[in-house]
């Protein structure tokens, strides 16, 4: 396997001094797509810190779902 796509639901965003912390977990709503994805991807949580001045920080909202692609870096 050279790549994997995971789907995460942003559960909470914390504003901190100069950055935000985004907390996300796998989707659990029971839709057919999520059942398929959850059977293929590892379960877990994701926490990332993003500079609050980044335009990417404005793009992320609690309650929204995102795909995250894991692609191995060739050395």
PDB file of N, CA and C in Angstrom:
ATOM      1  N   UNK A   1       0.856  -1.183   0.000  1.00  0.00           N
ATOM      2  CA  UNK A   1       0.000   0.000   0.000  1.00  0.00           C
ATOM      3  C   UNK A   1       0.898   1.241   0.000  1.00  0.00           C
ATOM      4  N   UNK A   2       0.629   2.141  -0.917  1.00  0.00           N
ATOM      5  CA  UNK A   2       1.455   3.347  -1.008  1.00  0.00           C
ATOM      6  C   UNK A   2       0.774   4.590  -0.455  1.00  0.00           C
ATOM      7  N   UNK A   3      -0.560   4.496  -0.266  1.00  0.00           N
ATOM      8  CA  UNK A   3      -1.260   5.644   0.298  1.00  0.00           C
ATOM      9  C   UNK A   3      -2.537   5.180   0.987  1.00  0.00           C
ATOM     10  N   UNK A   4      -3.059   6.041   1.852  1.00  0.00           N
ATOM     11  CA  UNK A   4      -4.285   5.737   2.567  1.00  0.00           C
ATOM     12  C   UNK A   4      -5.051   7.043   2.759  1.00  0.00           C
ATOM     13  N   UNK A   5      -6.361   6.980   2.604  1.00  0.00           N
ATOM     14  CA  UNK A   5      -7.208   8.145   2.859  1.00  0.00           C
ATOM     15  C   UNK A   5      -8.010   7.882   4.124  1.00  0.00           C
ATOM     16  N   UNK A   6      -7.982   8.839   5.032  1.00  0.00           N
ATOM     17  CA  UNK A   6      -8.763   8.764   6.267  1.00  0.00           C
ATOM     18  C   UNK A   6      -9.756   9.923   6.263  1.00  0.00           C
ATOM     19  N   UNK A   7     -10.825   9.756   7.026  1.00  0.00           N
ATOM     20  CA  UNK A   7     -11.840  10.803   7.122  1.00  0.00           C
ATOM     21  C   UNK A   7     -12.015  11.146   8.591  1.00  0.00           C
ATOM     22  N   UNK A   8     -11.865  12.418   8.912  1.00  0.00           N
ATOM     23  CA  UNK A   8     -11.950  12.876  10.292  1.00  0.00           C
ATOM     24  C   UNK A   8     -13.026  13.941  10.446  1.00  0.00           C
ATOM     25  N   UNK A   9     -13.639  13.948  11.616  1.00  0.00           N
ATOM     26  CA  UNK A   9     -14.620  14.958  12.003  1.00  0.00           C
ATOM     27  C   UNK A   9     -13.958  15.880  13.021  1.00  0.00           C
ATOM     28  N   UNK A  10     -13.949  17.175  12.751  1.00  0.00           N
ATOM     29  CA  UNK A  10     -13.385  18.125  13.711  1.00  0.00           C
ATOM     30  C   UNK A  10     -14.372  18.277  14.859  1.00  0.00           C
ATOM     31  N   UNK A  11     -13.946  17.870  16.032  1.00  0.00           N
ATOM     32  CA  UNK A  11     -14.831  17.903  17.193  1.00  0.00           C
ATOM     33  C   UNK A  11     -14.706  19.201  17.981  1.00  0.00           C
ATOM     34  N   UNK A  12     -13.521  19.789  17.976  1.00  0.00           N
ATOM     35  CA  UNK A  12     -13.297  20.957  18.835  1.00  0.00           C
ATOM     36  C   UNK A  12     -12.095  21.737  18.331  1.00  0.00           C
ATOM     37  N   UNK A  13     -12.185  23.047  18.419  1.00  0.00           N
ATOM     38  CA  UNK A  13     -11.051  23.918  18.105  1.00  0.00           C
ATOM     39  C   UNK A  13     -10.828  24.833  19.296  1.00  0.00           C
ATOM     40  N   UNK A  14      -9.605  24.807  19.825  1.00  0.00           N
ATOM     41  CA  UNK A  14      -9.245  25.672  20.956  1.00  0.00           C
ATOM     42  C   UNK A  14      -8.384  26.822  20.466  1.00  0.00           C
ATOM     43  N   UNK A  15      -8.758  28.035  20.830  1.00  0.00           N
ATOM     44  CA  UNK A  15      -7.933  29.196  20.503  1.00  0.00           C
ATOM     45  C   UNK A  15      -6.937  29.399  21.633  1.00  0.00           C
ATOM     46  N   UNK A  16      -5.679  29.528  21.267  1.00  0.00           N
ATOM     47  CA  UNK A  16      -4.607  29.742  22.234  1.00  0.00           C
ATOM     48  C   UNK A  16      -3.833  30.992  21.832  1.00  0.00           C
ATOM     49  N   UNK A  17      -2.816  31.296  22.565  1.00  0.00           N
ATOM     50  CA  UNK A  17      -2.009  32.490  22.282  1.00  0.00           C
ATOM     51  C   UNK A  17      -1.185  32.272  21.017  1.00  0.00           C
ATOM     52  N   UNK A  18      -1.642  32.830  19.898  1.00  0.00           N
ATOM     53  CA  UNK A  18      -0.893  32.764  18.653  1.00  0.00           C
ATOM     54  C   UNK A  18      -1.194  31.568  17.768  1.00  0.00           C
ATOM     55  N   UNK A  19      -1.970  30.620  18.240  1.00  0.00           N
ATOM     56  CA  UNK A  19      -2.281  29.446  17.422  1.00  0.00           C
ATOM     57  C   UNK A  19      -3.598  28.828  17.865  1.00  0.00           C
ATOM     58  N   UNK A  20      -4.084  27.897  17.053  1.00  0.00           N
ATOM     59  CA  UNK A  20      -5.267  27.127  17.424  1.00  0.00           C
ATOM     60  C   UNK A  20      -4.887  25.651  17.496  1.00  0.00           C
ATOM     61  N   UNK A  21      -5.575  24.912  18.338  1.00  0.00           N
ATOM     62  CA  UNK A  21      -5.420  23.463  18.400  1.00  0.00           C
ATOM     63  C   UNK A  21      -6.699  22.843  17.866  1.00  0.00           C
ATOM     64  N   UNK A  22      -6.547  22.016  16.842  1.00  0.00           N
ATOM     65  CA  UNK A  22      -7.681  21.348  16.210  1.00  0.00           C
ATOM     66  C   UNK A  22      -7.716  19.905  16.699  1.00  0.00           C
ATOM     67  N   UNK A  23      -8.855  19.488  17.242  1.00  0.00           N
ATOM     68  CA  UNK A  23      -9.054  18.122  17.716  1.00  0.00           C
ATOM     69  C   UNK A  23     -10.055  17.440  16.795  1.00  0.00           C
ATOM     70  N   UNK A  24      -9.687  16.272  16.284  1.00  0.00           N
ATOM     71  CA  UNK A  24     -10.560  15.549  15.363  1.00  0.00           C
ATOM     72  C   UNK A  24     -10.497  14.056  15.654  1.00  0.00           C
ATOM     73  N   UNK A  25     -11.539  13.359  15.247  1.00  0.00           N
ATOM     74  CA  UNK A  25     -11.603  11.908  15.395  1.00  0.00           C
ATOM     75  C   UNK A  25     -12.298  11.312  14.186  1.00  0.00           C
ATOM     76  N   UNK A  26     -12.277   9.990  14.097  1.00  0.00           N
ATOM     77  CA  UNK A  26     -12.922   9.344  12.956  1.00  0.00           C
ATOM     78  C   UNK A  26     -14.425   9.575  13.016  1.00  0.00           C
ATOM     79  N   UNK A  27     -15.036   9.597  11.862  1.00  0.00           N
ATOM     80  CA  UNK A  27     -16.473   9.835  11.764  1.00  0.00           C
ATOM     81  C   UNK A  27     -17.241   8.608  12.234  1.00  0.00           C
ATOM     82  N   UNK A  28     -18.355   8.828  12.907  1.00  0.00           N
ATOM     83  CA  UNK A  28     -19.118   7.726  13.490  1.00  0.00           C
ATOM     84  C   UNK A  28     -20.610   7.805  13.181  1.00  0.00           C
ATOM     85  N   UNK A  29     -21.020   8.531  12.154  1.00  0.00           N
ATOM     86  CA  UNK A  29     -22.456   8.749  11.955  1.00  0.00           C
ATOM     87  C   UNK A  29     -23.209   7.567  11.352  1.00  0.00           C
ATOM     88  N   UNK A  30     -22.518   6.529  10.916  1.00  0.00           N
ATOM     89  CA  UNK A  30     -23.191   5.340  10.407  1.00  0.00           C
ATOM     90  C   UNK A  30     -23.566   5.390   8.939  1.00  0.00           C
ATOM     91  N   UNK A  31     -23.168   6.449   8.222  1.00  0.00           N
ATOM     92  CA  UNK A  31     -23.463   6.499   6.786  1.00  0.00           C
ATOM     93  C   UNK A  31     -22.701   5.378   6.079  1.00  0.00           C
ATOM     94  N   UNK A  32     -23.165   4.994   4.908  1.00  0.00           N
ATOM     95  CA  UNK A  32     -22.514   3.906   4.164  1.00  0.00           C
ATOM     96  C   UNK A  32     -21.056   4.245   3.859  1.00  0.00           C
ATOM     97  N   UNK A  33     -20.797   5.500   3.462  1.00  0.00           N
ATOM     98  CA  UNK A  33     -19.414   5.894   3.180  1.00  0.00           C
ATOM     99  C   UNK A  33     -18.553   5.752   4.433  1.00  0.00           C
ATOM    100  N   UNK A  34     -19.052   6.231   5.565  1.00  0.00           N
ATOM    101  CA  UNK A  34     -18.261   6.176   6.798  1.00  0.00           C
ATOM    102  C   UNK A  34     -18.063   4.746   7.281  1.00  0.00           C
ATOM    103  N   UNK A  35     -19.056   3.880   7.109  1.00  0.00           N
ATOM    104  CA  UNK A  35     -18.883   2.465   7.467  1.00  0.00           C
ATOM    105  C   UNK A  35     -17.749   1.855   6.657  1.00  0.00           C
ATOM    106  N   UNK A  36     -17.729   2.142   5.352  1.00  0.00           N
ATOM    107  CA  UNK A  36     -16.677   1.598   4.483  1.00  0.00           C
ATOM    108  C   UNK A  36     -15.307   2.158   4.872  1.00  0.00           C
ATOM    109  N   UNK A  37     -15.229   3.475   5.017  1.00  0.00           N
ATOM    110  CA  UNK A  37     -13.949   4.104   5.358  1.00  0.00           C
ATOM    111  C   UNK A  37     -13.449   3.606   6.713  1.00  0.00           C
ATOM    112  N   UNK A  38     -14.330   3.523   7.704  1.00  0.00           N
ATOM    113  CA  UNK A  38     -13.905   3.101   9.042  1.00  0.00           C
ATOM    114  C   UNK A  38     -13.441   1.656   9.076  1.00  0.00           C
ATOM    115  N   UNK A  39     -13.927   0.821   8.160  1.00  0.00           N
ATOM    116  CA  UNK A  39     -13.458  -0.565   8.122  1.00  0.00           C
ATOM    117  C   UNK A  39     -12.067  -0.672   7.509  1.00  0.00           C
ATOM    118  N   UNK A  40     -11.642   0.361   6.798  1.00  0.00           N
ATOM    119  CA  UNK A  40     -10.354   0.336   6.104  1.00  0.00           C
ATOM    120  C   UNK A  40      -9.270   1.178   6.768  1.00  0.00           C
ATOM    121  N   UNK A  41      -9.650   2.128   7.591  1.00  0.00           N
ATOM    122  CA  UNK A  41      -8.666   3.032   8.190  1.00  0.00           C
ATOM    123  C   UNK A  41      -8.479   2.715   9.666  1.00  0.00           C
ATOM    124  N   UNK A  42      -7.338   3.094  10.199  1.00  0.00           N
ATOM    125  CA  UNK A  42      -7.151   2.929  11.644  1.00  0.00           C
ATOM    126  C   UNK A  42      -8.037   3.906  12.409  1.00  0.00           C
ATOM    127  N   UNK A  43      -8.451   3.503  13.590  1.00  0.00           N
ATOM    128  CA  UNK A  43      -9.235   4.394  14.446  1.00  0.00           C
ATOM    129  C   UNK A  43      -8.280   5.263  15.250  1.00  0.00           C
ATOM    130  N   UNK A  44      -8.741   6.421  15.648  1.00  0.00           N
ATOM    131  CA  UNK A  44      -7.892   7.260  16.476  1.00  0.00           C
ATOM    132  C   UNK A  44      -8.321   8.704  16.469  1.00  0.00           C
ATOM    133  N   UNK A  45      -7.477   9.515  17.051  1.00  0.00           N
ATOM    134  CA  UNK A  45      -7.714  10.950  17.149  1.00  0.00           C
ATOM    135  C   UNK A  45      -6.542  11.689  16.542  1.00  0.00           C
ATOM    136  N   UNK A  46      -6.802  12.902  16.135  1.00  0.00           N
ATOM    137  CA  UNK A  46      -5.785  13.746  15.534  1.00  0.00           C
ATOM    138  C   UNK A  46      -5.836  15.100  16.218  1.00  0.00           C
ATOM    139  N   UNK A  47      -4.695  15.582  16.662  1.00  0.00           N
ATOM    140  CA  UNK A  47      -4.582  16.913  17.263  1.00  0.00           C
ATOM    141  C   UNK A  47      -3.459  17.646  16.547  1.00  0.00           C
ATOM    142  N   UNK A  48      -3.779  18.801  15.988  1.00  0.00           N
ATOM    143  CA  UNK A  48      -2.757  19.584  15.303  1.00  0.00           C
ATOM    144  C   UNK A  48      -2.832  21.037  15.760  1.00  0.00           C
ATOM    145  N   UNK A  49      -1.686  21.681  15.798  1.00  0.00           N
ATOM    146  CA  UNK A  49      -1.591  23.101  16.132  1.00  0.00           C
ATOM    147  C   UNK A  49      -1.307  23.873  14.850  1.00  0.00           C
ATOM    148  N   UNK A  50      -2.023  24.974  14.663  1.00  0.00           N
ATOM    149  CA  UNK A  50      -1.884  25.784  13.458  1.00  0.00           C
ATOM    150  C   UNK A  50      -1.769  27.246  13.868  1.00  0.00           C
ATOM    151  N   UNK A  51      -0.828  27.953  13.258  1.00  0.00           N
ATOM    152  CA  UNK A  51      -0.674  29.388  13.515  1.00  0.00           C
ATOM    153  C   UNK A  51      -1.998  30.088  13.231  1.00  0.00           C
ATOM    154  N   UNK A  52      -2.452  30.905  14.165  1.00  0.00           N
ATOM    155  CA  UNK A  52      -3.765  31.544  14.019  1.00  0.00           C
ATOM    156  C   UNK A  52      -3.835  32.524  12.855  1.00  0.00           C
ATOM    157  N   UNK A  53      -2.695  32.998  12.368  1.00  0.00           N
ATOM    158  CA  UNK A  53      -2.703  33.937  11.244  1.00  0.00           C
ATOM    159  C   UNK A  53      -2.746  33.223   9.893  1.00  0.00           C
ATOM    160  N   UNK A  54      -2.644  31.901   9.905  1.00  0.00           N
ATOM    161  CA  UNK A  54      -2.687  31.116   8.678  1.00  0.00           C
ATOM    162  C   UNK A  54      -4.095  31.134   8.082  1.00  0.00           C
ATOM    163  N   UNK A  55      -4.187  31.246   6.763  1.00  0.00           N
ATOM    164  CA  UNK A  55      -5.503  31.173   6.123  1.00  0.00           C
ATOM    165  C   UNK A  55      -6.103  29.782   6.303  1.00  0.00           C
ATOM    166  N   UNK A  56      -5.270  28.784   6.492  1.00  0.00           N
ATOM    167  CA  UNK A  56      -5.755  27.425   6.731  1.00  0.00           C
ATOM    168  C   UNK A  56      -6.519  27.347   8.047  1.00  0.00           C
ATOM    169  N   UNK A  57      -6.113  28.117   9.038  1.00  0.00           N
ATOM    170  CA  UNK A  57      -6.797  28.124  10.336  1.00  0.00           C
ATOM    171  C   UNK A  57      -8.240  28.598  10.182  1.00  0.00           C
ATOM    172  N   UNK A  58      -8.477  29.532   9.284  1.00  0.00           N
ATOM    173  CA  UNK A  58      -9.830  30.041   9.049  1.00  0.00           C
ATOM    174  C   UNK A  58     -10.700  29.032   8.305  1.00  0.00           C
ATOM    175  N   UNK A  59     -10.087  28.125   7.587  1.00  0.00           N
ATOM    176  CA  UNK A  59     -10.769  27.128   6.764  1.00  0.00           C
ATOM    177  C   UNK A  59     -11.402  26.020   7.597  1.00  0.00           C
ATOM    178  N   UNK A  60     -10.831  25.725   8.755  1.00  0.00           N
ATOM    179  CA  UNK A  60     -11.280  24.617   9.589  1.00  0.00           C
ATOM    180  C   UNK A  60     -12.363  25.056  10.560  1.00  0.00           C
ATOM    181  N   UNK A  61     -13.425  24.291  10.638  1.00  0.00           N
ATOM    182  CA  UNK A  61     -14.547  24.600  11.531  1.00  0.00           C
ATOM    183  C   UNK A  61     -14.980  23.337  12.262  1.00  0.00           C
ATOM    184  N   UNK A  62     -15.319  23.466  13.536  1.00  0.00           N
ATOM    185  CA  UNK A  62     -15.831  22.336  14.313  1.00  0.00           C
ATOM    186  C   UNK A  62     -17.123  21.837  13.678  1.00  0.00           C
ATOM    187  N   UNK A  63     -17.283  20.517  13.654  1.00  0.00           N
ATOM    188  CA  UNK A  63     -18.472  19.902  13.081  1.00  0.00           C
ATOM    189  C   UNK A  63     -18.333  19.534  11.617  1.00  0.00           C
ATOM    190  N   UNK A  64     -17.239  19.940  10.977  1.00  0.00           N
ATOM    191  CA  UNK A  64     -17.022  19.614   9.571  1.00  0.00           C
ATOM    192  C   UNK A  64     -16.124  18.395   9.445  1.00  0.00           C
ATOM    193  N   UNK A  65     -16.294  17.664   8.335  1.00  0.00           N
ATOM    194  CA  UNK A  65     -15.491  16.473   8.069  1.00  0.00           C
ATOM    195  C   UNK A  65     -14.467  16.784   6.986  1.00  0.00           C
ATOM    196  N   UNK A  66     -13.300  16.141   7.098  1.00  0.00           N
ATOM    197  CA  UNK A  66     -12.229  16.332   6.132  1.00  0.00           C
ATOM    198  C   UNK A  66     -11.578  15.001   5.808  1.00  0.00           C
ATOM    199  N   UNK A  67     -11.140  14.860   4.567  1.00  0.00           N
ATOM    200  CA  UNK A  67     -10.306  13.730   4.180  1.00  0.00           C
ATOM    201  C   UNK A  67      -8.860  14.119   4.438  1.00  0.00           C
ATOM    202  N   UNK A  68      -8.084  13.167   4.897  1.00  0.00           N
ATOM    203  CA  UNK A  68      -6.650  13.363   5.078  1.00  0.00           C
ATOM    204  C   UNK A  68      -5.951  12.232   4.346  1.00  0.00           C
ATOM    205  N   UNK A  69      -5.067  12.585   3.431  1.00  0.00           N
ATOM    206  CA  UNK A  69      -4.331  11.582   2.673  1.00  0.00           C
ATOM    207  C   UNK A  69      -2.967  11.351   3.294  1.00  0.00           C
ATOM    208  N   UNK A  70      -2.641  10.082   3.494  1.00  0.00           N
ATOM    209  CA  UNK A  70      -1.331   9.676   3.986  1.00  0.00           C
ATOM    210  C   UNK A  70      -0.593   9.055   2.809  1.00  0.00           C
ATOM    211  N   UNK A  71       0.430   9.754   2.348  1.00  0.00           N
ATOM    212  CA  UNK A  71       1.214   9.290   1.212  1.00  0.00           C
ATOM    213  C   UNK A  71       2.661   9.196   1.661  1.00  0.00           C
ATOM    214  N   UNK A  72       3.238   8.020   1.508  1.00  0.00           N
ATOM    215  CA  UNK A  72       4.608   7.786   1.958  1.00  0.00           C
ATOM    216  C   UNK A  72       5.584   8.668   1.181  1.00  0.00           C
ATOM    217  N   UNK A  73       6.507   9.261   1.902  1.00  0.00           N
ATOM    218  CA  UNK A  73       7.534  10.100   1.297  1.00  0.00           C
ATOM    219  C   UNK A  73       8.650   9.195   0.792  1.00  0.00           C
ATOM    220  N   UNK A  74       8.993   9.355  -0.469  1.00  0.00           N
ATOM    221  CA  UNK A  74      10.095   8.569  -1.031  1.00  0.00           C
ATOM    222  C   UNK A  74      11.408   9.230  -0.661  1.00  0.00           C
ATOM    223  N   UNK A  75      12.351   8.425  -0.243  1.00  0.00           N
ATOM    224  CA  UNK A  75      13.669   8.950   0.149  1.00  0.00           C
ATOM    225  C   UNK A  75      14.662   8.788  -0.960  1.00  0.00           C
TER     226      UNK A  75
END
